[in-house]
């Protein structure tokens, strides 16, 4: 399996312009927790709904300049949780 990691860098001017773009929605099938008839929370085992998502990379074609570089990344580096929620330590390794 090929794994990819990416960083995106933008100017403030571009982000200001990108916020006005009409970018497409993408359908993502998800396991969405819900409440059953008895009021109990249910965490589904299979996808039970969809979410409409938008991605920042959909604005790339609207940039004046764009560059992409592919660099080797170790499996360990890809598994580091660098965007941990508040209160949780960064750099915590999760199973990949």
C-alpha atoms as a PDB file:
ATOM      1  CA  UNK A   1       0.000   0.000   0.000  1.00  0.00           C
ATOM      2  CA  UNK A   2       1.295   3.448  -0.892  1.00  0.00           C
ATOM      3  CA  UNK A   3       0.978   6.103   1.782  1.00  0.00           C
ATOM      4  CA  UNK A   4       1.141   9.809   1.108  1.00  0.00           C
ATOM      5  CA  UNK A   5       1.451  12.785   3.386  1.00  0.00           C
ATOM      6  CA  UNK A   6       1.008  16.373   2.324  1.00  0.00           C
ATOM      7  CA  UNK A   7       1.479  19.906   3.548  1.00  0.00           C
ATOM      8  CA  UNK A   8      -0.289  22.835   1.973  1.00  0.00           C
ATOM      9  CA  UNK A   9       1.048  26.390   2.081  1.00  0.00           C
ATOM     10  CA  UNK A  10      -1.056  29.385   1.052  1.00  0.00           C
ATOM     11  CA  UNK A  11      -0.861  33.138   0.992  1.00  0.00           C
ATOM     12  CA  UNK A  12      -3.492  35.065   2.930  1.00  0.00           C
ATOM     13  CA  UNK A  13      -4.598  36.704  -0.342  1.00  0.00           C
ATOM     14  CA  UNK A  14      -5.209  33.319  -1.958  1.00  0.00           C
ATOM     15  CA  UNK A  15      -7.194  32.038   1.032  1.00  0.00           C
ATOM     16  CA  UNK A  16      -9.315  35.183   0.941  1.00  0.00           C
ATOM     17  CA  UNK A  17     -10.094  34.566  -2.742  1.00  0.00           C
ATOM     18  CA  UNK A  18     -10.567  30.828  -2.224  1.00  0.00           C
ATOM     19  CA  UNK A  19     -13.209  31.446   0.430  1.00  0.00           C
ATOM     20  CA  UNK A  20     -15.447  32.876  -2.310  1.00  0.00           C
ATOM     21  CA  UNK A  21     -15.013  29.926  -4.704  1.00  0.00           C
ATOM     22  CA  UNK A  22     -17.823  27.488  -5.319  1.00  0.00           C
ATOM     23  CA  UNK A  23     -15.960  24.217  -4.846  1.00  0.00           C
ATOM     24  CA  UNK A  24     -17.691  20.852  -5.273  1.00  0.00           C
ATOM     25  CA  UNK A  25     -19.091  18.698  -2.522  1.00  0.00           C
ATOM     26  CA  UNK A  26     -17.806  15.151  -2.181  1.00  0.00           C
ATOM     27  CA  UNK A  27     -19.988  12.348  -0.860  1.00  0.00           C
ATOM     28  CA  UNK A  28     -18.406  10.452   2.031  1.00  0.00           C
ATOM     29  CA  UNK A  29     -20.117   7.306   3.305  1.00  0.00           C
ATOM     30  CA  UNK A  30     -19.795   7.285   7.105  1.00  0.00           C
ATOM     31  CA  UNK A  31     -20.676   5.348  10.230  1.00  0.00           C
ATOM     32  CA  UNK A  32     -22.766   7.999  11.967  1.00  0.00           C
ATOM     33  CA  UNK A  33     -23.720   7.386  15.606  1.00  0.00           C
ATOM     34  CA  UNK A  34     -27.448   7.775  16.229  1.00  0.00           C
ATOM     35  CA  UNK A  35     -30.173   7.143  18.801  1.00  0.00           C
ATOM     36  CA  UNK A  36     -32.395   4.059  18.576  1.00  0.00           C
ATOM     37  CA  UNK A  37     -36.126   3.828  19.355  1.00  0.00           C
ATOM     38  CA  UNK A  38     -35.432   3.352  23.079  1.00  0.00           C
ATOM     39  CA  UNK A  39     -33.201   6.431  23.266  1.00  0.00           C
ATOM     40  CA  UNK A  40     -29.926   4.499  23.449  1.00  0.00           C
ATOM     41  CA  UNK A  41     -26.869   5.706  21.527  1.00  0.00           C
ATOM     42  CA  UNK A  42     -25.938   3.320  18.710  1.00  0.00           C
ATOM     43  CA  UNK A  43     -22.528   3.202  17.053  1.00  0.00           C
ATOM     44  CA  UNK A  44     -23.105   1.430  13.726  1.00  0.00           C
ATOM     45  CA  UNK A  45     -20.843  -1.333  12.455  1.00  0.00           C
ATOM     46  CA  UNK A  46     -21.515  -0.417   8.810  1.00  0.00           C
ATOM     47  CA  UNK A  47     -21.976   2.851   6.962  1.00  0.00           C
ATOM     48  CA  UNK A  48     -25.443   4.207   7.661  1.00  0.00           C
ATOM     49  CA  UNK A  49     -25.283   7.688   6.202  1.00  0.00           C
ATOM     50  CA  UNK A  50     -23.447  10.180   4.078  1.00  0.00           C
ATOM     51  CA  UNK A  51     -21.755  13.488   4.722  1.00  0.00           C
ATOM     52  CA  UNK A  52     -21.058  16.144   2.154  1.00  0.00           C
ATOM     53  CA  UNK A  53     -17.453  17.294   2.418  1.00  0.00           C
ATOM     54  CA  UNK A  54     -15.410  19.993   0.741  1.00  0.00           C
ATOM     55  CA  UNK A  55     -11.638  19.834   0.433  1.00  0.00           C
ATOM     56  CA  UNK A  56      -9.063  22.602   0.288  1.00  0.00           C
ATOM     57  CA  UNK A  57      -7.315  20.935  -2.656  1.00  0.00           C
ATOM     58  CA  UNK A  58     -10.346  21.678  -4.851  1.00  0.00           C
ATOM     59  CA  UNK A  59      -9.173  25.301  -4.989  1.00  0.00           C
ATOM     60  CA  UNK A  60      -5.711  24.403  -6.365  1.00  0.00           C
ATOM     61  CA  UNK A  61      -6.706  24.892 -10.036  1.00  0.00           C
ATOM     62  CA  UNK A  62      -7.583  28.507  -9.177  1.00  0.00           C
ATOM     63  CA  UNK A  63      -4.097  29.379  -7.909  1.00  0.00           C
ATOM     64  CA  UNK A  64      -1.689  31.468  -9.962  1.00  0.00           C
ATOM     65  CA  UNK A  65       1.171  29.124  -9.108  1.00  0.00           C
ATOM     66  CA  UNK A  66       1.132  25.601  -7.776  1.00  0.00           C
ATOM     67  CA  UNK A  67       3.881  23.115  -7.014  1.00  0.00           C
ATOM     68  CA  UNK A  68       3.826  19.550  -5.821  1.00  0.00           C
ATOM     69  CA  UNK A  69       6.708  17.477  -4.482  1.00  0.00           C
ATOM     70  CA  UNK A  70       6.746  13.850  -3.477  1.00  0.00           C
ATOM     71  CA  UNK A  71       9.141  12.888  -0.697  1.00  0.00           C
ATOM     72  CA  UNK A  72       9.726   9.545   0.985  1.00  0.00           C
ATOM     73  CA  UNK A  73       7.974   9.290   4.351  1.00  0.00           C
ATOM     74  CA  UNK A  74       8.444   6.499   6.858  1.00  0.00           C
ATOM     75  CA  UNK A  75       5.449   4.523   8.052  1.00  0.00           C
ATOM     76  CA  UNK A  76       6.213   5.677  11.614  1.00  0.00           C
ATOM     77  CA  UNK A  77       6.100   9.349  10.606  1.00  0.00           C
ATOM     78  CA  UNK A  78       2.713   8.870   8.939  1.00  0.00           C
ATOM     79  CA  UNK A  79       1.308   7.297  12.083  1.00  0.00           C
ATOM     80  CA  UNK A  80       2.258  10.149  14.397  1.00  0.00           C
ATOM     81  CA  UNK A  81      -0.757  12.074  15.568  1.00  0.00           C
ATOM     82  CA  UNK A  82       0.407  15.638  14.995  1.00  0.00           C
ATOM     83  CA  UNK A  83      -3.067  17.136  15.044  1.00  0.00           C
ATOM     84  CA  UNK A  84      -4.123  15.901  18.465  1.00  0.00           C
ATOM     85  CA  UNK A  85      -7.182  17.519  20.038  1.00  0.00           C
ATOM     86  CA  UNK A  86      -6.705  19.855  23.022  1.00  0.00           C
ATOM     87  CA  UNK A  87      -5.675  18.006  26.158  1.00  0.00           C
ATOM     88  CA  UNK A  88      -4.133  15.092  24.283  1.00  0.00           C
ATOM     89  CA  UNK A  89      -0.350  14.964  23.800  1.00  0.00           C
ATOM     90  CA  UNK A  90       1.018  15.486  20.305  1.00  0.00           C
ATOM     91  CA  UNK A  91       3.297  12.918  18.708  1.00  0.00           C
ATOM     92  CA  UNK A  92       1.334   9.983  20.114  1.00  0.00           C
ATOM     93  CA  UNK A  93       1.751   6.997  17.825  1.00  0.00           C
ATOM     94  CA  UNK A  94      -1.462   5.327  16.712  1.00  0.00           C
ATOM     95  CA  UNK A  95      -1.820   1.970  15.030  1.00  0.00           C
ATOM     96  CA  UNK A  96      -1.539   2.058  11.241  1.00  0.00           C
END
